[in-house]
Every structure is written in structure tokens, then in C-alpha cells.
C-alpha atoms as a PDB file:
ATOM      1  CA  MET A   1     177.563 -92.254 -54.014  1.00  0.00           C
ATOM      2  CA  THR A   2     177.353 -91.618 -57.961  1.00  0.00           C
ATOM      3  CA  ALA A   3     174.385 -89.336 -59.641  1.00  0.00           C
ATOM      4  CA  ARG A   4     173.747 -92.665 -61.221  1.00  0.00           C
ATOM      5  CA  ALA A   5     173.245 -94.686 -57.933  1.00  0.00           C
ATOM      6  CA  GLU A   6     171.688 -91.526 -56.391  1.00  0.00           C
ATOM      7  CA  SER A   7     168.927 -91.594 -59.382  1.00  0.00           C
ATOM      8  CA  VAL A   8     168.356 -95.623 -59.740  1.00  0.00           C
ATOM      9  CA  ALA A   9     167.796 -95.485 -55.209  1.00  0.00           C
ATOM     10  CA  ARG A  10     164.970 -93.090 -55.528  1.00  0.00           C
ATOM     11  CA  PRO A  11     161.322 -94.630 -56.472  1.00  0.00           C
ATOM     12  CA  PRO A  12     161.159 -92.522 -59.443  1.00  0.00           C
ATOM     13  CA  ALA A  13     158.070 -91.133 -58.245  1.00  0.00           C
ATOM     14  CA  LEU A  14     160.288 -89.456 -55.720  1.00  0.00           C
ATOM     15  CA  ARG A  15     162.393 -88.336 -58.710  1.00  0.00           C
ATOM     16  CA  ALA A  16     159.489 -86.419 -60.658  1.00  0.00           C
ATOM     17  CA  ASP A  17     157.911 -84.976 -57.377  1.00  0.00           C
ATOM     18  CA  LEU A  18     161.945 -83.790 -56.518  1.00  0.00           C
ATOM     19  CA  ALA A  19     162.130 -82.387 -60.335  1.00  0.00           C
ATOM     20  CA  THR A  20     158.771 -80.354 -59.917  1.00  0.00           C
ATOM     21  CA  VAL A  21     159.822 -78.242 -57.209  1.00  0.00           C
ATOM     22  CA  ARG A  22     163.186 -77.340 -58.231  1.00  0.00           C
ATOM     23  CA  VAL A  23     161.239 -76.171 -62.047  1.00  0.00           C
ATOM     24  CA  LEU A  24     158.897 -74.340 -59.490  1.00  0.00           C
ATOM     25  CA  VAL A  25     161.470 -72.771 -57.431  1.00  0.00           C
ATOM     26  CA  ARG A  26     163.653 -72.158 -60.896  1.00  0.00           C
ATOM     27  CA  ARG A  27     160.172 -70.418 -62.423  1.00  0.00           C
ATOM     28  CA  ALA A  28     160.106 -67.729 -59.295  1.00  0.00           C
ATOM     29  CA  ALA A  29     163.992 -67.201 -59.387  1.00  0.00           C
ATOM     30  CA  ASN A  30     162.947 -65.999 -63.581  1.00  0.00           C
ATOM     31  CA  GLU A  31     160.637 -64.026 -62.346  1.00  0.00           C
ATOM     32  CA  ILE A  32     163.400 -62.035 -59.494  1.00  0.00           C
ATOM     33  CA  LEU A  33     165.515 -61.761 -62.924  1.00  0.00           C
ATOM     34  CA  ARG A  34     163.303 -61.150 -65.216  1.00  0.00           C
ATOM     35  CA  VAL A  35     161.653 -58.478 -63.607  1.00  0.00           C
ATOM     36  CA  PRO A  36     163.260 -57.069 -60.505  1.00  0.00           C
ATOM     37  CA  GLY A  37     161.557 -54.492 -59.550  1.00  0.00           C
ATOM     38  CA  ALA A  38     159.251 -56.369 -57.846  1.00  0.00           C
ATOM     39  CA  ALA A  39     161.458 -57.647 -55.061  1.00  0.00           C
ATOM     40  CA  ILE A  40     162.299 -54.400 -54.356  1.00  0.00           C
ATOM     41  CA  PRO A  41     159.077 -53.378 -52.439  1.00  0.00           C
ATOM     42  CA  GLY A  42     159.850 -56.349 -50.233  1.00  0.00           C
ATOM     43  CA  VAL A  43     163.647 -55.470 -49.729  1.00  0.00           C
ATOM     44  CA  LEU A  44     163.573 -51.728 -49.262  1.00  0.00           C
ATOM     45  CA  ALA A  45     161.151 -51.963 -46.758  1.00  0.00           C
ATOM     46  CA  PRO A  46     161.795 -53.949 -43.770  1.00  0.00           C
ATOM     47  CA  THR A  47     164.751 -52.003 -43.675  1.00  0.00           C
ATOM     48  CA  ILE A  48     163.271 -48.494 -43.909  1.00  0.00           C
ATOM     49  CA  PHE A  49     161.480 -49.740 -41.200  1.00  0.00           C
ATOM     50  CA  PHE A  50     164.693 -50.947 -39.084  1.00  0.00           C
ATOM     51  CA  VAL A  51     166.857 -47.691 -39.908  1.00  0.00           C
ATOM     52  CA  GLY A  52     163.240 -44.874 -38.601  1.00  0.00           C
ATOM     53  CA  LEU A  53     162.752 -47.075 -35.547  1.00  0.00           C
ATOM     54  CA  THR A  54     166.217 -47.399 -35.020  1.00  0.00           C
ATOM     55  CA  ALA A  55     166.409 -43.369 -35.427  1.00  0.00           C
ATOM     56  CA  VAL A  56     163.082 -42.853 -33.646  1.00  0.00           C
ATOM     57  CA  PHE A  57     163.602 -45.282 -30.977  1.00  0.00           C
ATOM     58  CA  SER A  58     166.786 -46.061 -29.999  1.00  0.00           C
ATOM     59  CA  GLY A  59     166.877 -44.411 -26.600  1.00  0.00           C
ATOM     60  CA  LEU A  60     163.956 -46.780 -25.321  1.00  0.00           C
ATOM     61  CA  THR A  61     166.739 -49.343 -24.212  1.00  0.00           C
ATOM     62  CA  ALA A  62     167.950 -46.816 -21.111  1.00  0.00           C
ATOM     63  CA  LEU A  63     164.067 -47.841 -19.046  1.00  0.00           C
ATOM     64  CA  ARG A  64     164.732 -50.887 -17.419  1.00  0.00           C
ATOM     65  CA  GLY A  65     163.821 -54.118 -19.049  1.00  0.00           C
ATOM     66  CA  PHE A  66     166.505 -54.181 -21.562  1.00  0.00           C
ATOM     67  CA  ASP A  67     168.974 -56.165 -21.416  1.00  0.00           C
ATOM     68  CA  THR A  68     171.089 -54.379 -24.598  1.00  0.00           C
ATOM     69  CA  ASP A  69     172.525 -50.605 -24.929  1.00  0.00           C
ATOM     70  CA  THR A  70     172.033 -50.787 -28.710  1.00  0.00           C
ATOM     71  CA  TYR A  71     168.509 -51.137 -30.120  1.00  0.00           C
ATOM     72  CA  GLN A  72     169.570 -51.662 -33.562  1.00  0.00           C
ATOM     73  CA  SER A  73     170.356 -54.879 -32.356  1.00  0.00           C
ATOM     74  CA  PHE A  74     167.056 -55.307 -30.550  1.00  0.00           C
ATOM     75  CA  ILE A  75     165.015 -54.302 -33.073  1.00  0.00           C
ATOM     76  CA  VAL A  76     166.659 -56.131 -36.035  1.00  0.00           C
ATOM     77  CA  PRO A  77     165.126 -59.115 -35.671  1.00  0.00           C
ATOM     78  CA  ILE A  78     161.724 -57.964 -36.041  1.00  0.00           C
ATOM     79  CA  SER A  79     162.685 -56.161 -39.751  1.00  0.00           C
ATOM     80  CA  LEU A  80     164.617 -60.058 -40.631  1.00  0.00           C
ATOM     81  CA  LEU A  81     160.748 -60.966 -39.945  1.00  0.00           C
ATOM     82  CA  GLN A  82     158.723 -58.498 -41.418  1.00  0.00           C
ATOM     83  CA  GLY A  83     161.436 -59.506 -44.915  1.00  0.00           C
ATOM     84  CA  ALA A  84     160.160 -63.223 -44.544  1.00  0.00           C
ATOM     85  CA  GLY A  85     156.787 -62.259 -44.123  1.00  0.00           C
ATOM     86  CA  PHE A  86     156.952 -60.152 -47.305  1.00  0.00           C
ATOM     87  CA  THR A  87     158.397 -62.365 -49.684  1.00  0.00           C
ATOM     88  CA  GLY A  88     155.564 -64.966 -48.154  1.00  0.00           C
ATOM     89  CA  ALA A  89     153.042 -62.736 -48.941  1.00  0.00           C
ATOM     90  CA  ALA A  90     154.340 -61.813 -53.147  1.00  0.00           C
ATOM     91  CA  ALA A  91     153.729 -65.857 -53.576  1.00  0.00           C
ATOM     92  CA  GLY A  92     150.135 -66.034 -52.752  1.00  0.00           C
ATOM     93  CA  VAL A  93     150.056 -62.227 -54.534  1.00  0.00           C
ATOM     94  CA  ASN A  94     151.641 -64.525 -57.523  1.00  0.00           C
ATOM     95  CA  LEU A  95     149.125 -67.471 -57.445  1.00  0.00           C
ATOM     96  CA  ALA A  96     146.572 -64.977 -57.240  1.00  0.00           C
ATOM     97  CA  ARG A  97     147.971 -63.835 -60.654  1.00  0.00           C
ATOM     98  CA  ASP A  98     148.873 -67.337 -62.050  1.00  0.00           C
ATOM     99  CA  ILE A  99     144.718 -68.779 -61.437  1.00  0.00           C
ATOM    100  CA  GLU A 100     144.037 -64.854 -63.161  1.00  0.00           C
ATOM    101  CA  GLN A 101     146.039 -65.892 -65.885  1.00  0.00           C
ATOM    102  CA  GLY A 102     144.669 -69.244 -65.688  1.00  0.00           C
ATOM    103  CA  TRP A 103     148.269 -70.746 -65.454  1.00  0.00           C
ATOM    104  CA  PHE A 104     147.532 -72.361 -62.189  1.00  0.00           C
ATOM    105  CA  ASP A 105     144.631 -74.619 -64.080  1.00  0.00           C
ATOM    106  CA  ARG A 106     147.858 -76.335 -66.589  1.00  0.00           C
ATOM    107  CA  LEU A 107     149.270 -77.055 -63.282  1.00  0.00           C
ATOM    108  CA  LEU A 108     146.334 -79.179 -61.721  1.00  0.00           C
ATOM    109  CA  VAL A 109     145.852 -80.781 -64.300  1.00  0.00           C
ATOM    110  CA  SER A 110     148.931 -82.045 -64.333  1.00  0.00           C
ATOM    111  CA  PRO A 111     150.029 -85.323 -63.004  1.00  0.00           C
ATOM    112  CA  ALA A 112     151.552 -83.594 -59.697  1.00  0.00           C
ATOM    113  CA  PRO A 113     150.875 -84.357 -56.522  1.00  0.00           C
ATOM    114  CA  ARG A 114     149.045 -81.513 -55.148  1.00  0.00           C
ATOM    115  CA  PRO A 115     151.645 -81.377 -51.916  1.00  0.00           C
ATOM    116  CA  VAL A 116     153.855 -81.139 -54.565  1.00  0.00           C
ATOM    117  CA  LEU A 117     153.248 -78.583 -56.341  1.00  0.00           C
ATOM    118  CA  LEU A 118     152.315 -76.751 -52.340  1.00  0.00           C
ATOM    119  CA  ALA A 119     155.796 -77.341 -51.871  1.00  0.00           C
ATOM    120  CA  GLY A 120     156.953 -75.877 -54.636  1.00  0.00           C
ATOM    121  CA  MET A 121     155.569 -72.727 -53.727  1.00  0.00           C
ATOM    122  CA  VAL A 122     156.414 -72.338 -50.427  1.00  0.00           C
ATOM    123  CA  ALA A 123     159.484 -73.409 -50.799  1.00  0.00           C
ATOM    124  CA  SER A 124     160.784 -70.380 -53.302  1.00  0.00           C
ATOM    125  CA  ALA A 125     159.132 -68.290 -51.065  1.00  0.00           C
ATOM    126  CA  SER A 126     161.397 -69.469 -47.942  1.00  0.00           C
ATOM    127  CA  LEU A 127     164.240 -69.472 -50.721  1.00  0.00           C
ATOM    128  CA  ARG A 128     163.706 -66.225 -51.996  1.00  0.00           C
ATOM    129  CA  SER A 129     162.650 -64.385 -48.001  1.00  0.00           C
ATOM    130  CA  LEU A 130     166.824 -65.121 -47.592  1.00  0.00           C
ATOM    131  CA  ILE A 131     166.788 -61.521 -50.385  1.00  0.00           C
ATOM    132  CA  PRO A 132     166.164 -58.592 -47.885  1.00  0.00           C
ATOM    133  CA  ALA A 133     167.210 -60.855 -44.824  1.00  0.00           C
ATOM    134  CA  THR A 134     171.071 -60.332 -46.791  1.00  0.00           C
ATOM    135  CA  PHE A 135     170.438 -57.204 -47.239  1.00  0.00           C
ATOM    136  CA  LEU A 136     168.279 -55.777 -44.204  1.00  0.00           C
ATOM    137  CA  LEU A 137     171.895 -57.547 -42.465  1.00  0.00           C
ATOM    138  CA  ALA A 138     174.213 -55.638 -44.129  1.00  0.00           C
ATOM    139  CA  ILE A 139     172.590 -52.516 -43.137  1.00  0.00           C
ATOM    140  CA  GLY A 140     172.437 -53.162 -39.728  1.00  0.00           C
ATOM    141  CA  PHE A 141     176.191 -54.708 -39.243  1.00  0.00           C
ATOM    142  CA  ALA A 142     177.526 -51.439 -40.835  1.00  0.00           C
ATOM    143  CA  ILE A 143     175.318 -49.375 -38.204  1.00  0.00           C
ATOM    144  CA  GLY A 144     176.202 -50.888 -35.292  1.00  0.00           C
ATOM    145  CA  VAL A 145     173.979 -54.223 -35.209  1.00  0.00           C
ATOM    146  CA  GLY A 146     175.930 -56.694 -33.016  1.00  0.00           C
ATOM    147  CA  TRP A 147     177.482 -59.722 -34.390  1.00  0.00           C
ATOM    148  CA  PRO A 148     175.135 -62.587 -33.423  1.00  0.00           C
ATOM    149  CA  GLY A 149     178.200 -65.580 -33.749  1.00  0.00           C
ATOM    150  CA  LEU A 150     178.079 -67.809 -36.742  1.00  0.00           C
ATOM    151  CA  ASP A 151     175.296 -70.191 -34.613  1.00  0.00           C
ATOM    152  CA  GLY A 152     173.270 -67.442 -34.282  1.00  0.00           C
ATOM    153  CA  LEU A 153     172.941 -66.251 -37.811  1.00  0.00           C
ATOM    154  CA  VAL A 154     173.190 -69.558 -38.938  1.00  0.00           C
ATOM    155  CA  LEU A 155     169.734 -69.940 -36.979  1.00  0.00           C
ATOM    156  CA  ALA A 156     168.507 -66.234 -37.709  1.00  0.00           C
ATOM    157  CA  LEU A 157     168.642 -67.258 -41.624  1.00  0.00           C
ATOM    158  CA  ALA A 158     166.918 -70.893 -40.611  1.00  0.00           C
ATOM    159  CA  PHE A 159     164.225 -68.256 -38.722  1.00  0.00           C
ATOM    160  CA  VAL A 160     164.012 -66.585 -41.714  1.00  0.00           C
ATOM    161  CA  MET A 161     163.058 -69.308 -44.426  1.00  0.00           C
ATOM    162  CA  ALA A 162     160.655 -70.541 -42.354  1.00  0.00           C
ATOM    163  CA  THR A 163     158.978 -68.066 -41.563  1.00  0.00           C
ATOM    164  CA  GLY A 164     158.997 -66.773 -45.275  1.00  0.00           C
ATOM    165  CA  ALA A 165     157.217 -70.337 -45.319  1.00  0.00           C
ATOM    166  CA  VAL A 166     154.769 -69.783 -43.331  1.00  0.00           C
ATOM    167  CA  ALA A 167     153.841 -66.755 -44.903  1.00  0.00           C
ATOM    168  CA  ALA A 168     153.439 -68.240 -48.023  1.00  0.00           C
ATOM    169  CA  CYS A 169     151.177 -71.090 -46.765  1.00  0.00           C
ATOM    170  CA  TRP A 170     149.023 -67.978 -45.671  1.00  0.00           C
ATOM    171  CA  GLY A 171     148.998 -66.117 -49.256  1.00  0.00           C
ATOM    172  CA  VAL A 172     148.203 -69.557 -50.970  1.00  0.00           C
ATOM    173  CA  MET A 173     144.958 -69.996 -48.274  1.00  0.00           C
ATOM    174  CA  ILE A 174     144.186 -66.825 -49.101  1.00  0.00           C
ATOM    175  CA  ALA A 175     144.575 -65.802 -53.289  1.00  0.00           C
ATOM    176  CA  LEU A 176     142.841 -69.782 -53.119  1.00  0.00           C
ATOM    177  CA  ARG A 177     139.660 -68.191 -51.829  1.00  0.00           C
ATOM    178  CA  PHE A 178     139.622 -64.998 -53.572  1.00  0.00           C
ATOM    179  CA  ARG A 179     141.270 -65.528 -56.275  1.00  0.00           C
ATOM    180  CA  THR A 180     142.654 -62.244 -57.786  1.00  0.00           C
ATOM    181  CA  GLN A 181     145.154 -60.032 -56.944  1.00  0.00           C
ATOM    182  CA  SER A 182     142.863 -57.294 -55.386  1.00  0.00           C
ATOM    183  CA  ALA A 183     143.385 -59.387 -51.812  1.00  0.00           C
ATOM    184  CA  ALA A 184     147.110 -58.707 -51.778  1.00  0.00           C
ATOM    185  CA  PRO A 185     146.694 -56.309 -49.338  1.00  0.00           C
ATOM    186  CA  LEU A 186     145.134 -59.219 -46.825  1.00  0.00           C
ATOM    187  CA  MET A 187     147.912 -61.227 -47.360  1.00  0.00           C
ATOM    188  CA  GLN A 188     150.191 -58.350 -46.439  1.00  0.00           C
ATOM    189  CA  SER A 189     149.043 -57.301 -43.393  1.00  0.00           C
ATOM    190  CA  GLY A 190     147.955 -60.397 -41.745  1.00  0.00           C
ATOM    191  CA  MET A 191     151.944 -61.833 -41.704  1.00  0.00           C
ATOM    192  CA  PHE A 192     152.271 -57.119 -40.987  1.00  0.00           C
ATOM    193  CA  VAL A 193     149.817 -57.895 -37.775  1.00  0.00           C
ATOM    194  CA  LEU A 194     151.454 -60.873 -36.659  1.00  0.00           C
ATOM    195  CA  VAL A 195     154.902 -59.608 -36.520  1.00  0.00           C
ATOM    196  CA  LEU A 196     154.263 -56.263 -34.806  1.00  0.00           C
ATOM    197  CA  THR A 197     151.887 -58.262 -32.343  1.00  0.00           C
ATOM    198  CA  THR A 198     155.010 -59.549 -31.126  1.00  0.00           C
ATOM    199  CA  THR A 199     157.917 -57.824 -28.248  1.00  0.00           C
ATOM    200  CA  ALA A 200     158.525 -56.072 -31.217  1.00  0.00           C
ATOM    201  CA  TYR A 201     159.530 -53.044 -29.738  1.00  0.00           C
ATOM    202  CA  ALA A 202     160.210 -53.723 -25.912  1.00  0.00           C
ATOM    203  CA  PRO A 203     160.288 -56.537 -23.902  1.00  0.00           C
ATOM    204  CA  LEU A 204     157.426 -58.536 -22.614  1.00  0.00           C
ATOM    205  CA  ASP A 205     158.150 -57.054 -18.857  1.00  0.00           C
ATOM    206  CA  VAL A 206     157.553 -53.832 -19.995  1.00  0.00           C
ATOM    207  CA  LEU A 207     154.991 -53.919 -22.850  1.00  0.00           C
ATOM    208  CA  GLN A 208     151.555 -53.407 -20.770  1.00  0.00           C
ATOM    209  CA  GLY A 209     148.013 -54.151 -21.653  1.00  0.00           C
ATOM    210  CA  TRP A 210     145.817 -56.231 -24.080  1.00  0.00           C
ATOM    211  CA  LEU A 211     149.875 -55.980 -25.943  1.00  0.00           C
ATOM    212  CA  ALA A 212     151.569 -57.465 -23.585  1.00  0.00           C
ATOM    213  CA  ASP A 213     148.279 -60.216 -22.955  1.00  0.00           C
ATOM    214  CA  ILE A 214     148.282 -60.853 -27.305  1.00  0.00           C
ATOM    215  CA  ALA A 215     151.991 -60.580 -27.081  1.00  0.00           C
ATOM    216  CA  ARG A 216     152.439 -63.598 -24.701  1.00  0.00           C
ATOM    217  CA  LEU A 217     149.649 -65.585 -26.528  1.00  0.00           C
ATOM    218  CA  ASN A 218     151.550 -64.525 -29.916  1.00  0.00           C
ATOM    219  CA  PRO A 219     153.802 -67.934 -31.522  1.00  0.00           C
ATOM    220  CA  LEU A 220     155.564 -65.457 -33.229  1.00  0.00           C
ATOM    221  CA  THR A 221     157.069 -64.139 -30.272  1.00  0.00           C
ATOM    222  CA  GLN A 222     158.804 -67.246 -29.697  1.00  0.00           C
ATOM    223  CA  VAL A 223     160.639 -67.179 -33.247  1.00  0.00           C
ATOM    224  CA  VAL A 224     161.719 -63.585 -32.145  1.00  0.00           C
ATOM    225  CA  GLU A 225     163.455 -64.085 -28.746  1.00  0.00           C
ATOM    226  CA  ALA A 226     164.978 -66.561 -30.101  1.00  0.00           C
ATOM    227  CA  ILE A 227     166.614 -65.077 -32.885  1.00  0.00           C
ATOM    228  CA  ARG A 228     167.096 -61.479 -30.518  1.00  0.00           C
ATOM    229  CA  SER A 229     168.717 -63.611 -28.010  1.00  0.00           C
ATOM    230  CA  GLY A 230     172.007 -63.823 -30.611  1.00  0.00           C
ATOM    231  CA  PHE A 231     172.275 -60.373 -31.558  1.00  0.00           C
ATOM    232  CA  VAL A 232     171.474 -58.459 -27.759  1.00  0.00           C
ATOM    233  CA  THR A 233     173.867 -60.739 -26.124  1.00  0.00           C
ATOM    234  CA  GLY A 234     176.448 -62.416 -28.818  1.00  0.00           C
ATOM    235  CA  SER A 235     175.289 -66.218 -28.282  1.00  0.00           C
ATOM    236  CA  VAL A 236     172.767 -67.982 -29.063  1.00  0.00           C
ATOM    237  CA  SER A 237     170.735 -69.126 -26.357  1.00  0.00           C
ATOM    238  CA  TRP A 238     169.380 -72.798 -27.316  1.00  0.00           C
ATOM    239  CA  ALA A 239     166.593 -73.109 -25.265  1.00  0.00           C
ATOM    240  CA  ASP A 240     164.588 -69.571 -26.244  1.00  0.00           C
ATOM    241  CA  ALA A 241     165.461 -71.715 -29.281  1.00  0.00           C
ATOM    242  CA  GLY A 242     163.600 -74.639 -29.435  1.00  0.00           C
ATOM    243  CA  GLN A 243     160.454 -73.011 -28.377  1.00  0.00           C
ATOM    244  CA  GLY A 244     161.111 -70.895 -31.313  1.00  0.00           C
ATOM    245  CA  ALA A 245     161.143 -73.759 -33.367  1.00  0.00           C
ATOM    246  CA  LEU A 246     158.245 -76.064 -31.894  1.00  0.00           C
ATOM    247  CA  ALA A 247     156.488 -72.537 -32.445  1.00  0.00           C
ATOM    248  CA  VAL A 248     156.863 -71.921 -36.403  1.00  0.00           C
ATOM    249  CA  ALA A 249     156.666 -75.786 -36.745  1.00  0.00           C
ATOM    250  CA  ALA A 250     153.467 -75.270 -35.480  1.00  0.00           C
ATOM    251  CA  LEU A 251     152.702 -72.640 -37.634  1.00  0.00           C
ATOM    252  CA  LEU A 252     153.684 -74.384 -40.406  1.00  0.00           C
ATOM    253  CA  ALA A 253     151.281 -77.550 -39.841  1.00  0.00           C
ATOM    254  CA  VAL A 254     148.058 -75.820 -39.072  1.00  0.00           C
ATOM    255  CA  LEU A 255     148.295 -72.709 -42.106  1.00  0.00           C
ATOM    256  CA  GLY A 256     149.981 -75.383 -44.367  1.00  0.00           C
ATOM    257  CA  ALA A 257     147.212 -78.165 -43.608  1.00  0.00           C
ATOM    258  CA  ILE A 258     144.816 -75.369 -44.471  1.00  0.00           C
ATOM    259  CA  ALA A 259     146.095 -74.304 -47.309  1.00  0.00           C
ATOM    260  CA  LEU A 260     146.214 -77.793 -48.420  1.00  0.00           C
ATOM    261  CA  TYR A 261     143.036 -78.358 -48.084  1.00  0.00           C
ATOM    262  CA  GLN A 262     142.175 -75.333 -50.399  1.00  0.00           C
ATOM    263  CA  LEU A 263     144.449 -76.329 -53.095  1.00  0.00           C
ATOM    264  CA  ASN A 264     142.525 -80.592 -53.242  1.00  0.00           C
ATOM    265  CA  ARG A 265     139.328 -78.512 -53.358  1.00  0.00           C
ATOM    266  CA  THR A 266     140.191 -76.581 -56.306  1.00  0.00           C
ATOM    267  CA  GLY A 267     139.367 -77.214 -59.236  1.00  0.00           C
ATOM    268  CA  ARG A 268     137.161 -80.286 -58.146  1.00  0.00           C
ATOM    269  CA  ARG A 269     133.690 -78.415 -56.472  1.00  0.00           C
END
């Protein structure tokens, strides 16, 4: 189908909405090009976390319950999701900055529907989450992370993008609630805690006490296990992948609905 035919096939409103999302995504990408130093913490922190933990806790694989002798392969999903969490939280920080500077008010009075504005912010965070993931995987494969197969790699990156979208919804919620960049620690710590209260350090059967109870209830545990299956065994567990997809979809639906509700109320009080 030609570009002109596609243009005719799409309703004018849909074309305008897609154009708005593209502009918001491009604006976020331009921020990285103009201020690359702002992206460095979100890229380096998960990698430092990954390298540090593998150096200190690599002997844990000798415990009963670990089905791998490479702790790097076991822990890499956690660092991938941390990178996605930091990137998504940055979307909230950027929104808070735009609110403080008055630029967000221009978006609110534009013809763009509120769901489209939210979609643009979430999509930009989702795509940017691939930056720390790519850097981390390059380091990981260099120091012994197992190859998950092409399908496992694609699945892991898909979950990274989805988690980045979840984190962006969380960040937007906090930004719209407090309307200041001073809330940035809450945006970052919320996702950080959510990631670390999964089966981050050890399999569920090895965890004990309150951490095991929380890990069982934490929906992100399903995402961790879905990603981990490829890196640990070299092949994807599609049963785990299905559970992970349902979990991240539920998180995205809940947090996205709350973020959209707050966005709809903004400027109309």
C-alpha cells in the first residue's frame, strides 16, 4: 500500500493522534541528544548493580534450588528491569520539570486528547528503556551471561519496554500529584522497591519469611521469571512468558488508568 493510500485509509483524527505521539517521542529523543549526561545515571546504575552483585553473591548458586551455575545469568533480568524502571521514572521527572516551567500547560490547551498525551510520554519512556538494556547486555555477555536464544532476547527486550511503560505511568502519576521535581526520589524508589521485592537474589523456594511472601504476591515476579528462563536455560518458557505478559498488562492497565484519571483532572479543577 502506498503512503498516499495509507493516508486516505486512516481517519484524520487518528493521523493527528499518531503525529502527536511521534512528536512527543521525538522530543524525548532530542533531550537525550542535547543533554546526554542526563541519561548516564540510568544507564550506569543498573550495570554497576549487576557487576557488583555478581562479584559478591556468585557463590549462591551452590545452594540447593538454583538451577544455574552462572549467577550473572540469574541476576541479569533484575538489572534489565531496574534500567527500565529508572528510565520510566525519568519520564515523570521530565513531566514535573515541564509542569514547573509552564510548558505542560501548552499541551493541556492543545487539541490533543489527554490519552494521546499520556501515550506519547509512555511510548517515549518505553523506547528509551532499550538504551540501558543494550549497554547492560553488552557488558553481561562479555562477562559470562548465557545466550538466551534470539526468541529469549526479543522477549526480554519486549518485557523491558513494557516495564518502562509501567514505570512511566507511575512517574506520571507522582508528577501530576506533586507537580514538582522534588518528588523524583519517590518516582525512582517506587519502581526500585517493586523490582527488588521479586525473586531478585534467589529462587522463590530459597527465599524465606516476609520477602518470600511479598515475592509471591508481587506481579513483577512473573516478569522476572519469564525473562530469566531464557538466560538460565537457553530456551524460553512460554508458560512463564504468558504469565509475565498478563502480569505486566495488569500493572500497565491499573497504573495507566490512574495516570489518565489524574491527567484528565489536571487543569479542570
